[in-house]
Protein backbone atom coordinates (compact mmCIF):
# COMPACT_ATOMS: atom_id res chain seq x y z
CA UNK A 1 51.08 -27.24 1.49
CA UNK A 2 50.54 -27.88 5.19
CA UNK A 3 47.77 -29.87 6.84
CA UNK A 4 45.86 -27.73 9.36
CA UNK A 5 43.55 -28.92 12.14
CA UNK A 6 41.08 -26.36 13.49
CA UNK A 7 39.73 -27.10 16.98
CA UNK A 8 36.72 -25.16 18.24
CA UNK A 9 34.42 -25.22 21.23
CA UNK A 10 31.39 -23.06 21.80
CA UNK A 11 28.09 -23.00 23.66
CA UNK A 12 26.25 -20.89 21.07
CA UNK A 13 27.89 -22.09 17.86
CA UNK A 14 29.76 -18.93 16.89
CA UNK A 15 33.19 -20.54 17.12
CA UNK A 16 32.08 -23.43 14.91
CA UNK A 17 30.87 -20.97 12.26
CA UNK A 18 34.21 -19.14 12.30
CA UNK A 19 36.18 -22.42 12.14
CA UNK A 20 34.15 -23.69 9.17
CA UNK A 21 34.57 -20.38 7.33
CA UNK A 22 38.31 -20.33 8.03
CA UNK A 23 38.62 -23.94 6.83
CA UNK A 24 36.89 -22.99 3.57
CA UNK A 25 39.25 -20.06 2.99
CA UNK A 26 42.33 -22.15 3.82
CA UNK A 27 41.23 -24.88 1.39
CA UNK A 28 40.75 -22.25 -1.33
CA UNK A 29 44.37 -21.23 -0.66
CA UNK A 30 45.56 -24.82 -1.13
CA UNK A 31 45.77 -26.09 2.45
CA UNK A 32 44.28 -29.37 3.68
CA UNK A 33 42.06 -28.86 6.74
CA UNK A 34 40.30 -30.92 9.38
CA UNK A 35 37.78 -29.28 11.71
CA UNK A 36 37.04 -30.67 15.18
CA UNK A 37 34.16 -29.29 17.26
CA UNK A 38 34.08 -29.78 21.02
CA UNK A 39 35.60 -32.54 23.11
CA UNK A 40 35.94 -36.10 21.85
């Protein structure tokens, strides 16, 4: 399956929570994920 990169940015952390949850669900469906939070 496809590799997916999730990029999030948030001041209160809500977007990070959603990105982590989405990554978990995508991995359960067989995708490979990478999650990036904020600027690098």
